[in-house]
N, C-alpha and C. Protein backbone atom coordinates (compact mmCIF):
# COMPACT_ATOMS: atom_id res chain seq x y z
N UNK A 1 96.33 -34.60 66.09
CA UNK A 1 96.99 -35.45 66.97
C UNK A 1 96.73 -35.23 68.41
N UNK A 2 96.13 -33.73 68.73
CA UNK A 2 95.76 -33.70 70.24
C UNK A 2 94.52 -34.59 70.38
N UNK A 3 93.70 -34.73 69.21
CA UNK A 3 92.19 -35.30 69.44
C UNK A 3 92.57 -36.97 69.77
N UNK A 4 93.87 -37.40 69.27
CA UNK A 4 94.16 -39.10 69.21
C UNK A 4 94.54 -39.03 70.73
N UNK A 5 95.49 -38.32 71.06
CA UNK A 5 95.92 -38.19 72.62
C UNK A 5 95.13 -37.90 73.44
N UNK A 6 93.99 -37.34 73.41
CA UNK A 6 92.92 -37.13 74.49
C UNK A 6 91.98 -38.26 74.45
N UNK A 7 91.78 -38.94 73.16
CA UNK A 7 91.08 -39.98 72.93
C UNK A 7 91.81 -41.58 73.77
N UNK A 8 93.15 -41.39 73.77
CA UNK A 8 94.02 -42.46 74.05
C UNK A 8 94.08 -42.09 75.47
N UNK A 9 93.96 -41.12 76.16
CA UNK A 9 94.15 -40.74 77.48
C UNK A 9 92.49 -41.34 78.44
N UNK A 10 91.62 -41.03 77.45
CA UNK A 10 90.12 -41.28 78.00
C UNK A 10 90.04 -42.70 77.95
N UNK A 11 90.68 -43.60 76.77
CA UNK A 11 90.52 -44.86 76.92
C UNK A 11 91.72 -45.54 78.08
N UNK A 12 92.54 -44.96 78.44
CA UNK A 12 93.12 -45.63 79.42
C UNK A 12 92.79 -45.33 80.53
N UNK A 13 92.12 -44.19 80.77
CA UNK A 13 91.41 -44.10 82.11
C UNK A 13 90.33 -44.90 82.26
N UNK A 14 89.56 -45.14 81.31
CA UNK A 14 88.34 -45.89 81.39
C UNK A 14 88.64 -47.39 81.46
N UNK A 15 89.97 -47.85 81.00
CA UNK A 15 90.31 -49.04 81.44
C UNK A 15 90.83 -49.32 82.84
N UNK A 16 91.54 -48.55 83.28
CA UNK A 16 92.34 -48.43 84.75
C UNK A 16 90.85 -48.15 85.77
N UNK A 17 89.79 -47.62 85.42
CA UNK A 17 88.50 -47.62 86.28
C UNK A 17 87.38 -48.61 86.01
N UNK A 18 87.88 -49.14 85.02
CA UNK A 18 86.74 -50.33 84.62
C UNK A 18 86.77 -51.37 85.75
N UNK A 19 87.63 -51.77 86.55
CA UNK A 19 87.40 -52.63 87.72
C UNK A 19 86.48 -52.12 88.68
N UNK A 20 87.09 -50.99 88.96
CA UNK A 20 86.21 -50.14 89.98
C UNK A 20 84.59 -50.20 89.76
N UNK A 21 84.33 -49.71 88.42
CA UNK A 21 82.81 -49.79 88.11
C UNK A 21 82.36 -51.07 88.23
N UNK A 22 83.03 -52.10 87.77
CA UNK A 22 82.57 -53.24 88.05
C UNK A 22 82.05 -53.78 89.63
N UNK A 23 83.08 -53.29 90.38
CA UNK A 23 82.91 -53.41 91.76
C UNK A 23 81.50 -52.53 92.44
N UNK A 24 81.27 -51.55 91.91
CA UNK A 24 80.11 -50.64 92.00
C UNK A 24 78.87 -51.22 91.42
N UNK A 25 79.38 -51.75 90.19
CA UNK A 25 77.94 -52.60 89.88
C UNK A 25 77.53 -53.67 90.60
N UNK A 26 78.62 -54.62 91.15
CA UNK A 26 78.20 -55.49 92.19
C UNK A 26 77.60 -55.07 93.48
N UNK A 27 78.38 -53.84 93.93
CA UNK A 27 77.61 -53.23 95.09
C UNK A 27 76.12 -52.88 94.75
N UNK A 28 76.08 -52.20 93.89
CA UNK A 28 74.76 -51.93 93.67
C UNK A 28 73.70 -52.91 93.59
N UNK A 29 74.34 -53.99 92.80
CA UNK A 29 73.40 -55.31 92.48
C UNK A 29 73.04 -56.00 93.95
N UNK A 30 74.15 -56.16 94.99
CA UNK A 30 74.01 -56.67 96.13
C UNK A 30 73.01 -55.86 97.00
N UNK A 31 73.14 -54.26 96.82
CA UNK A 31 72.14 -53.51 97.59
C UNK A 31 70.59 -53.71 97.20
N UNK A 32 70.33 -53.95 95.63
CA UNK A 32 69.20 -54.17 95.32
C UNK A 32 68.66 -55.50 95.69
N UNK A 33 69.50 -56.18 95.78
CA UNK A 33 68.98 -57.59 96.42
C UNK A 33 68.76 -57.70 97.67
N UNK A 34 69.51 -56.84 98.66
CA UNK A 34 69.32 -56.52 100.06
C UNK A 34 67.78 -56.01 100.23
N UNK A 35 67.70 -54.77 99.47
CA UNK A 35 66.46 -54.27 99.34
C UNK A 35 65.25 -55.04 99.14
N UNK A 36 65.25 -55.83 97.97
CA UNK A 36 64.07 -57.04 97.56
C UNK A 36 64.05 -57.77 98.88
N UNK A 37 65.12 -58.52 99.42
CA UNK A 37 64.79 -59.47 100.53
C UNK A 37 63.92 -58.34 101.94
N UNK A 38 64.72 -57.19 101.93
CA UNK A 38 63.97 -56.68 103.26
C UNK A 38 62.55 -56.23 102.80
N UNK A 39 62.16 -55.85 101.39
CA UNK A 39 60.76 -55.65 101.10
C UNK A 39 59.83 -57.16 100.90
N UNK A 40 60.66 -58.03 100.92
CA UNK A 40 59.86 -59.51 100.87
C UNK A 40 59.42 -59.71 102.37
N UNK A 41 60.44 -59.58 103.20
CA UNK A 41 60.42 -59.53 104.86
C UNK A 41 59.25 -58.69 105.34
N UNK A 42 59.22 -57.45 104.69
CA UNK A 42 58.45 -56.53 105.39
C UNK A 42 56.83 -57.10 104.90
N UNK A 43 56.75 -57.57 103.59
CA UNK A 43 55.50 -57.81 102.92
C UNK A 43 55.22 -59.04 103.67
N UNK A 44 55.91 -59.99 104.06
CA UNK A 44 55.73 -60.98 104.58
C UNK A 44 55.15 -60.80 106.39
N UNK A 45 55.58 -59.83 106.87
CA UNK A 45 55.52 -59.38 108.04
C UNK A 45 53.97 -58.87 108.03
N UNK A 46 53.81 -58.25 107.11
CA UNK A 46 52.38 -57.65 107.25
C UNK A 46 51.16 -58.62 106.41
N UNK A 47 51.47 -60.02 106.35
CA UNK A 47 50.54 -60.72 105.97
C UNK A 47 49.72 -61.33 107.21
N UNK A 48 48.36 -61.36 106.89
CA UNK A 48 47.14 -61.92 107.80
C UNK A 48 47.21 -63.43 107.88
N UNK A 49 47.39 -64.09 108.62
CA UNK A 49 47.14 -65.42 108.95
C UNK A 49 46.24 -65.81 110.01
N UNK A 50 45.76 -67.13 109.74
CA UNK A 50 44.48 -67.64 110.63
C UNK A 50 45.14 -68.02 111.94
N UNK A 51 44.40 -67.95 113.22
CA UNK A 51 44.94 -68.55 114.20
C UNK A 51 44.38 -70.04 114.50
N UNK A 52 43.27 -70.28 113.75
CA UNK A 52 42.74 -71.29 113.82
C UNK A 52 42.29 -72.07 112.26
N UNK A 53 42.26 -73.24 112.18
CA UNK A 53 42.05 -73.85 110.71
C UNK A 53 40.94 -73.37 110.03
N UNK A 54 39.76 -72.93 110.81
CA UNK A 54 38.88 -72.62 110.21
C UNK A 54 38.28 -70.66 110.22
N UNK A 55 39.49 -70.23 110.69
CA UNK A 55 39.36 -68.86 111.07
C UNK A 55 39.33 -67.90 109.45
N UNK A 56 39.72 -66.69 109.82
CA UNK A 56 39.66 -65.71 108.78
C UNK A 56 41.53 -65.47 108.60
N UNK A 57 41.55 -65.24 107.12
CA UNK A 57 42.93 -65.00 106.81
C UNK A 57 43.45 -66.28 106.08
N UNK A 58 44.66 -65.95 105.75
CA UNK A 58 45.46 -66.91 104.94
C UNK A 58 45.93 -68.46 105.98
N UNK A 59 45.89 -69.59 105.45
CA UNK A 59 46.44 -70.79 106.09
C UNK A 59 48.00 -70.35 106.16
N UNK A 60 48.43 -70.86 107.57
CA UNK A 60 50.12 -70.77 107.76
C UNK A 60 50.48 -71.78 107.00
N UNK A 61 51.77 -71.73 107.44
CA UNK A 61 52.76 -72.90 106.67
C UNK A 61 52.64 -74.24 107.65
N UNK A 62 52.27 -74.15 108.63
CA UNK A 62 51.96 -75.34 109.54
C UNK A 62 50.69 -75.72 109.01
N UNK A 63 49.73 -75.03 109.26
CA UNK A 63 48.31 -75.21 108.47
C UNK A 63 48.65 -76.12 106.94
N UNK A 64 49.32 -75.21 106.12
CA UNK A 64 49.31 -76.03 104.90
C UNK A 64 50.13 -77.49 104.96
N UNK A 65 50.81 -77.45 105.77
CA UNK A 65 51.47 -78.92 106.11
C UNK A 65 50.61 -80.00 106.38
N UNK A 66 49.77 -79.66 107.28
CA UNK A 66 48.54 -80.46 107.85
C UNK A 66 47.73 -80.87 106.92
N UNK A 67 47.30 -79.66 106.21
CA UNK A 67 46.49 -79.92 104.90
C UNK A 67 47.02 -81.31 103.98
N UNK A 68 48.52 -80.99 103.76
CA UNK A 68 48.98 -82.16 102.54
C UNK A 68 49.01 -83.29 103.49
N UNK A 69 49.26 -83.42 104.72
CA UNK A 69 49.18 -84.51 105.37
C UNK A 69 47.79 -85.15 105.46
N UNK A 70 47.00 -84.37 105.57
CA UNK A 70 45.40 -84.82 105.69
C UNK A 70 44.99 -85.47 104.34
N UNK A 71 45.27 -84.52 103.36
CA UNK A 71 45.12 -85.18 102.00
C UNK A 71 45.92 -86.46 101.72
N UNK A 72 47.13 -86.62 102.02
CA UNK A 72 47.50 -87.92 101.94
C UNK A 72 46.93 -89.10 102.62
N UNK A 73 46.29 -88.97 103.66
CA UNK A 73 45.43 -89.96 104.59
C UNK A 73 44.19 -90.01 103.78
N UNK A 74 43.49 -88.84 103.34
CA UNK A 74 42.23 -89.27 102.61
C UNK A 74 42.56 -90.03 101.62
N UNK A 75 43.44 -89.64 100.81
CA UNK A 75 43.92 -90.76 99.54
C UNK A 75 44.41 -92.01 99.83
N UNK A 76 44.74 -92.40 100.76
CA UNK A 76 45.25 -93.69 101.11
C UNK A 76 44.02 -94.61 101.96
N UNK A 77 43.08 -93.58 102.76
CA UNK A 77 42.23 -93.94 103.02
C UNK A 77 41.02 -94.67 101.77
N UNK A 78 41.08 -93.96 101.07
CA UNK A 78 40.44 -94.20 99.70
C UNK A 78 40.87 -95.32 98.96
N UNK A 79 42.04 -95.45 98.84
CA UNK A 79 42.44 -96.83 98.28
C UNK A 79 42.31 -98.15 99.15
N UNK A 80 42.54 -97.81 100.53
CA UNK A 80 42.26 -99.23 101.42
C UNK A 80 40.73 -99.36 101.35
N UNK A 81 39.88 -98.39 101.17
CA UNK A 81 38.32 -98.74 101.08
C UNK A 81 38.19 -99.41 99.86
N UNK A 82 38.87 -99.25 98.72
CA UNK A 82 38.76 -99.91 97.42
C UNK A 82 38.92 -101.28 97.47
N UNK A 83 40.29 -101.45 98.37
CA UNK A 83 40.83 -102.96 98.84
C UNK A 83 40.00 -103.76 99.46
N UNK A 84 39.35 -103.05 100.60
CA UNK A 84 38.16 -103.70 101.59
C UNK A 84 36.99 -104.09 100.72
N UNK A 85 36.67 -103.10 99.75
CA UNK A 85 35.33 -103.61 99.15
C UNK A 85 35.50 -104.64 97.91
N UNK A 86 36.72 -104.74 97.39
CA UNK A 86 37.09 -105.87 96.55
C UNK A 86 36.99 -107.16 97.48
N UNK A 87 37.34 -107.41 98.50
CA UNK A 87 37.48 -108.18 99.46
C UNK A 87 36.35 -108.86 99.81
N UNK A 88 35.32 -107.84 100.59
CA UNK A 88 34.18 -107.96 100.78
C UNK A 88 33.23 -108.59 99.45
N UNK A 89 33.40 -108.09 98.40
CA UNK A 89 32.73 -108.38 97.07
C UNK A 89 33.07 -109.82 96.85
N UNK A 90 34.30 -110.28 97.04
CA UNK A 90 34.81 -111.62 96.61
C UNK A 90 33.99 -112.57 97.58
N UNK A 91 34.33 -112.30 99.04
CA UNK A 91 33.56 -113.11 99.89
C UNK A 91 32.31 -113.14 99.71
N UNK A 92 31.35 -112.18 99.71
CA UNK A 92 30.11 -112.09 99.17
C UNK A 92 29.73 -112.95 98.15
N UNK A 93 30.38 -112.97 97.09
CA UNK A 93 30.18 -113.64 95.90
C UNK A 93 30.01 -114.92 96.19
N UNK A 94 31.04 -115.32 96.74
CA UNK A 94 31.65 -117.13 97.19
C UNK A 94 30.43 -117.58 98.13
N UNK A 95 30.12 -116.54 99.07
CA UNK A 95 29.06 -117.17 99.74
C UNK A 95 27.50 -117.31 98.99
N UNK A 96 27.54 -116.14 98.16
CA UNK A 96 26.24 -116.42 97.43
C UNK A 96 25.93 -117.55 96.70
N UNK A 97 27.24 -118.02 95.87
CA UNK A 97 27.15 -118.96 94.87
C UNK A 97 27.22 -120.42 95.87
N UNK A 98 27.93 -120.22 97.23
CA UNK A 98 27.62 -121.44 97.84
C UNK A 98 26.30 -121.52 98.36
N UNK A 99 25.64 -120.54 98.57
CA UNK A 99 24.11 -120.52 99.24
C UNK A 99 23.10 -121.32 97.93
N UNK A 100 23.61 -120.50 96.83
CA UNK A 100 22.65 -121.15 95.50
C UNK A 100 22.70 -122.29 95.13
N UNK A 101 24.18 -122.92 95.40
CA UNK A 101 24.48 -124.45 95.48
C UNK A 101 23.91 -125.37 96.41
N UNK A 102 23.99 -124.84 97.74
CA UNK A 102 23.18 -125.61 98.60
C UNK A 102 21.23 -125.54 98.39
N UNK A 103 20.89 -124.59 98.11
CA UNK A 103 19.60 -124.55 97.83
C UNK A 103 19.17 -125.76 96.81
N UNK A 104 20.20 -125.49 95.55
CA UNK A 104 19.87 -126.77 94.67
C UNK A 104 19.88 -128.12 95.33
N UNK A 105 20.98 -128.26 95.97
CA UNK A 105 21.53 -129.51 96.43
C UNK A 105 20.49 -129.97 97.52
N UNK A 106 19.70 -129.12 98.04
CA UNK A 106 18.66 -129.63 99.27
C UNK A 106 17.38 -130.44 98.89
N UNK A 107 17.16 -130.17 97.61
CA UNK A 107 16.04 -130.88 96.99
C UNK A 107 16.50 -132.46 96.79
N UNK A 108 17.78 -132.56 96.21
CA UNK A 108 18.35 -133.53 95.91
C UNK A 108 18.56 -134.75 97.21
N UNK A 109 18.97 -133.84 98.18
CA UNK A 109 19.35 -134.59 99.75
C UNK A 109 17.82 -135.03 100.20
N UNK A 110 17.08 -134.43 99.88
CA UNK A 110 15.78 -134.87 100.30
C UNK A 110 15.09 -136.20 99.82
N UNK A 111 15.33 -136.04 98.45
CA UNK A 111 15.12 -137.48 97.88
C UNK A 111 16.12 -138.42 98.17
N UNK A 112 17.49 -138.11 98.40
CA UNK A 112 18.41 -139.09 98.58
C UNK A 112 18.32 -139.85 100.35
N UNK A 113 19.47 -140.72 100.51
CA UNK A 113 19.61 -141.27 101.48
C UNK A 113 20.43 -140.37 102.70
N UNK A 114 20.69 -141.17 103.92
CA UNK A 114 21.51 -140.33 104.85
C UNK A 114 22.95 -140.14 104.49
N UNK A 115 23.67 -140.79 103.79
CA UNK A 115 25.15 -140.28 103.23
C UNK A 115 25.23 -139.13 102.47
N UNK A 116 23.98 -138.86 101.79
CA UNK A 116 23.88 -137.53 101.00
C UNK A 116 23.81 -136.49 102.00
N UNK A 117 22.83 -136.88 103.07
CA UNK A 117 22.42 -135.54 103.99
C UNK A 117 23.62 -135.31 104.95
N UNK A 118 24.63 -136.28 105.22
CA UNK A 118 25.80 -136.00 106.08
C UNK A 118 26.68 -135.08 105.14
N UNK A 119 26.77 -135.11 103.84
CA UNK A 119 27.54 -134.56 102.95
C UNK A 119 27.08 -132.95 102.98
N UNK A 120 25.71 -133.04 102.75
CA UNK A 120 25.23 -131.60 102.69
C UNK A 120 25.30 -130.83 104.03
N UNK A 121 24.92 -131.47 104.99
CA UNK A 121 24.78 -131.09 106.43
C UNK A 121 26.38 -130.40 106.59
N UNK A 122 27.35 -131.21 106.12
CA UNK A 122 28.94 -130.59 106.19
C UNK A 122 28.96 -129.21 105.64
N UNK A 123 28.50 -129.09 104.32
CA UNK A 123 28.51 -127.87 103.37
C UNK A 123 27.93 -126.90 104.03
N UNK A 124 26.84 -127.14 104.78
CA UNK A 124 25.93 -126.14 105.43
C UNK A 124 26.68 -125.54 106.63
N UNK A 125 27.18 -126.47 107.46
CA UNK A 125 27.78 -125.84 108.31
C UNK A 125 29.19 -125.15 107.98
N UNK A 126 29.98 -125.41 106.94
CA UNK A 126 30.78 -124.63 106.66
C UNK A 126 30.48 -123.27 106.04
N UNK A 127 29.48 -123.27 105.25
CA UNK A 127 28.66 -121.85 104.51
C UNK A 127 28.43 -121.14 105.96
N UNK A 128 27.59 -121.91 106.94
CA UNK A 128 27.25 -121.05 108.02
C UNK A 128 28.48 -120.50 109.20
N UNK A 129 29.67 -120.96 108.86
CA UNK A 129 30.74 -120.84 109.78
C UNK A 129 31.45 -119.58 109.01
N UNK A 130 31.21 -119.21 107.87
CA UNK A 130 31.77 -117.99 107.22
C UNK A 130 31.15 -116.83 107.07
N UNK A 131 29.58 -116.91 107.34
CA UNK A 131 28.97 -116.10 107.63
C UNK A 131 29.32 -114.71 108.48
N UNK A 132 30.19 -114.96 109.67
CA UNK A 132 30.38 -114.10 110.46
C UNK A 132 31.88 -113.53 109.86
N UNK A 133 32.52 -113.95 108.93
CA UNK A 133 33.58 -113.37 108.48
C UNK A 133 32.96 -112.31 107.44
N UNK A 134 31.82 -112.44 106.75
CA UNK A 134 31.48 -111.85 105.87
C UNK A 134 30.65 -110.46 106.77
N UNK A 135 30.25 -110.59 107.93
CA UNK A 135 29.78 -109.59 108.83
C UNK A 135 30.66 -108.79 109.51
N UNK A 136 32.13 -109.66 109.62
CA UNK A 136 33.18 -108.83 109.98
C UNK A 136 33.46 -107.79 109.00
N UNK A 137 33.79 -108.34 107.83
CA UNK A 137 34.53 -107.54 106.70
C UNK A 137 33.43 -106.33 106.36
N UNK A 138 32.08 -106.47 106.38
CA UNK A 138 31.21 -105.32 105.98
C UNK A 138 31.13 -104.34 107.43
N UNK A 139 31.46 -104.79 108.83
CA UNK A 139 31.62 -103.94 109.74
C UNK A 139 32.91 -103.01 109.47
N UNK A 140 34.07 -103.90 109.18
CA UNK A 140 35.33 -103.19 108.89
C UNK A 140 35.00 -102.10 107.64
N UNK A 141 34.52 -102.33 106.68
CA UNK A 141 34.19 -101.87 105.50
C UNK A 141 33.58 -100.37 105.98
N UNK A 142 32.61 -100.61 106.78
CA UNK A 142 31.50 -99.24 107.22
C UNK A 142 32.30 -98.61 107.94
N UNK A 143 33.24 -99.15 108.70
CA UNK A 143 34.13 -98.19 109.60
C UNK A 143 35.21 -97.42 108.93
N UNK A 144 35.65 -98.03 108.01
CA UNK A 144 36.74 -97.40 107.04
C UNK A 144 36.08 -96.20 106.23
N UNK A 145 34.98 -96.50 106.01
CA UNK A 145 34.05 -95.33 105.10
C UNK A 145 33.73 -94.46 105.97
N UNK A 146 33.42 -94.44 107.07
CA UNK A 146 33.04 -93.40 107.83
C UNK A 146 34.30 -92.77 108.39
N UNK A 147 35.36 -93.03 108.74
CA UNK A 147 36.87 -92.54 108.84
C UNK A 147 37.24 -91.67 107.48
N UNK A 148 36.81 -92.45 106.46
CA UNK A 148 37.20 -91.67 105.23
C UNK A 148 36.36 -90.36 104.96
N UNK A 149 35.16 -90.56 105.46
CA UNK A 149 34.19 -89.28 105.49
C UNK A 149 34.44 -88.40 106.16
N UNK A 150 34.62 -88.67 107.28
CA UNK A 150 35.13 -87.76 108.51
C UNK A 150 36.18 -86.91 107.81
N UNK A 151 37.57 -87.67 107.54
CA UNK A 151 38.70 -87.22 107.20
C UNK A 151 38.37 -86.18 105.79
N UNK A 152 37.68 -86.62 105.04
CA UNK A 152 37.36 -86.14 103.62
C UNK A 152 36.82 -84.64 104.07
N UNK A 153 35.59 -84.86 104.98
CA UNK A 153 34.92 -83.40 105.31
C UNK A 153 35.91 -82.38 106.07
N UNK A 154 36.78 -82.79 106.91
CA UNK A 154 37.75 -82.02 107.56
C UNK A 154 38.53 -81.40 106.64
N UNK A 155 38.78 -82.14 105.59
CA UNK A 155 39.74 -81.57 104.20
C UNK A 155 39.08 -80.41 103.84
N UNK A 156 38.03 -80.82 103.35
CA UNK A 156 36.91 -79.78 102.63
C UNK A 156 36.88 -78.67 103.43
N UNK A 157 36.50 -78.68 104.73
CA UNK A 157 36.23 -77.80 105.47
C UNK A 157 37.46 -76.66 105.70
N UNK A 158 38.48 -77.24 106.14
CA UNK A 158 39.67 -76.67 106.64
C UNK A 158 40.75 -76.31 105.59
N UNK A 159 40.97 -77.11 104.38
CA UNK A 159 41.73 -77.09 103.51
C UNK A 159 41.37 -76.59 102.28
N UNK A 160 40.25 -77.28 101.72
CA UNK A 160 39.99 -77.26 100.21
C UNK A 160 39.34 -75.95 99.97
N UNK A 161 39.90 -75.16 98.86
CA UNK A 161 39.55 -73.91 98.89
C UNK A 161 39.79 -72.71 99.46
N UNK A 162 40.84 -73.03 100.53
CA UNK A 162 41.04 -72.02 101.65
C UNK A 162 42.34 -70.89 101.02
N UNK A 163 42.37 -69.80 101.44
CA UNK A 163 43.45 -68.93 100.92
C UNK A 163 44.78 -69.13 101.21
N UNK A 164 45.80 -69.12 100.70
CA UNK A 164 47.39 -69.41 101.34
C UNK A 164 48.09 -68.23 100.33
N UNK A 165 49.27 -68.33 101.19
CA UNK A 165 50.33 -67.34 100.20
C UNK A 165 50.99 -68.42 99.32
N UNK A 166 51.52 -68.14 97.92
CA UNK A 166 52.00 -69.19 97.15
C UNK A 166 53.18 -69.36 97.61
N UNK A 167 54.06 -68.50 98.02
CA UNK A 167 55.47 -69.04 98.44
C UNK A 167 55.21 -69.89 99.59
N UNK A 168 54.45 -69.69 100.66
CA UNK A 168 54.26 -70.43 101.86
C UNK A 168 53.93 -71.96 101.24
N UNK A 169 53.11 -71.87 100.02
CA UNK A 169 52.63 -73.18 99.86
C UNK A 169 53.73 -74.01 98.90
N UNK A 170 54.46 -73.02 98.05
CA UNK A 170 55.67 -73.78 97.46
C UNK A 170 56.61 -74.39 98.43
N UNK A 171 56.83 -73.35 99.36
CA UNK A 171 57.95 -74.39 100.73
C UNK A 171 57.47 -75.35 101.32
N UNK A 172 56.03 -75.49 101.54
CA UNK A 172 55.44 -76.75 101.85
C UNK A 172 55.82 -77.88 100.94
N UNK A 173 55.41 -77.65 99.71
CA UNK A 173 55.57 -78.70 98.86
C UNK A 173 57.00 -79.12 98.50
N UNK A 174 57.77 -78.25 98.76
CA UNK A 174 59.35 -78.67 98.55
C UNK A 174 59.54 -79.69 99.89
N UNK A 175 59.22 -79.10 101.09
CA UNK A 175 59.33 -79.92 102.02
C UNK A 175 58.83 -81.36 102.17
N UNK A 176 57.64 -81.38 101.75
CA UNK A 176 56.56 -82.45 101.79
C UNK A 176 57.05 -83.58 100.59
N UNK A 177 57.55 -82.94 99.44
CA UNK A 177 57.47 -83.64 98.19
C UNK A 177 56.22 -83.81 97.39
N UNK A 178 55.36 -83.12 97.88
CA UNK A 178 53.83 -83.17 97.37
C UNK A 178 53.03 -82.05 97.87
N UNK A 179 52.12 -81.78 96.98
CA UNK A 179 51.14 -80.95 97.42
C UNK A 179 49.57 -81.37 97.51
N UNK A 180 48.66 -80.61 97.72
CA UNK A 180 47.36 -80.93 98.18
C UNK A 180 46.60 -81.53 97.00
């Protein structure tokens, strides 16, 4: 009987102290979390970051953000080059076909009269008036390719394969909505 009384007393005591034990566990958990945050802050304080985009150390968060923006620009430049090339190729094909047609029509015009000559000359004028458009598109395309190459080279030099801290990168991906 005495054992039952002792067991009941211990059980009652443990039930009365249980809320205090949970509070102690919660305090311990909070202390552990605070220690982990302090350790992470200390670890972050000991990091070695770059002072320039091409320097030693890891990329800073701002540099990672710049790299993500630059990569976005490189990708959009590449897409724009593709569209410009399609437009140039279409105009070039149109003018090539028109030139071929004019060559074959010239032989007929030489054998025909003045009415055919006037129509032919009008087509030649139209063809010649479109040539500057082709030159302008070619120049624009070349400028776009040059700008793309410069941005791509800068990305390769300053961003591609460069060291960074994963948590810094994750923070920038979250902020920007995309990565490099």
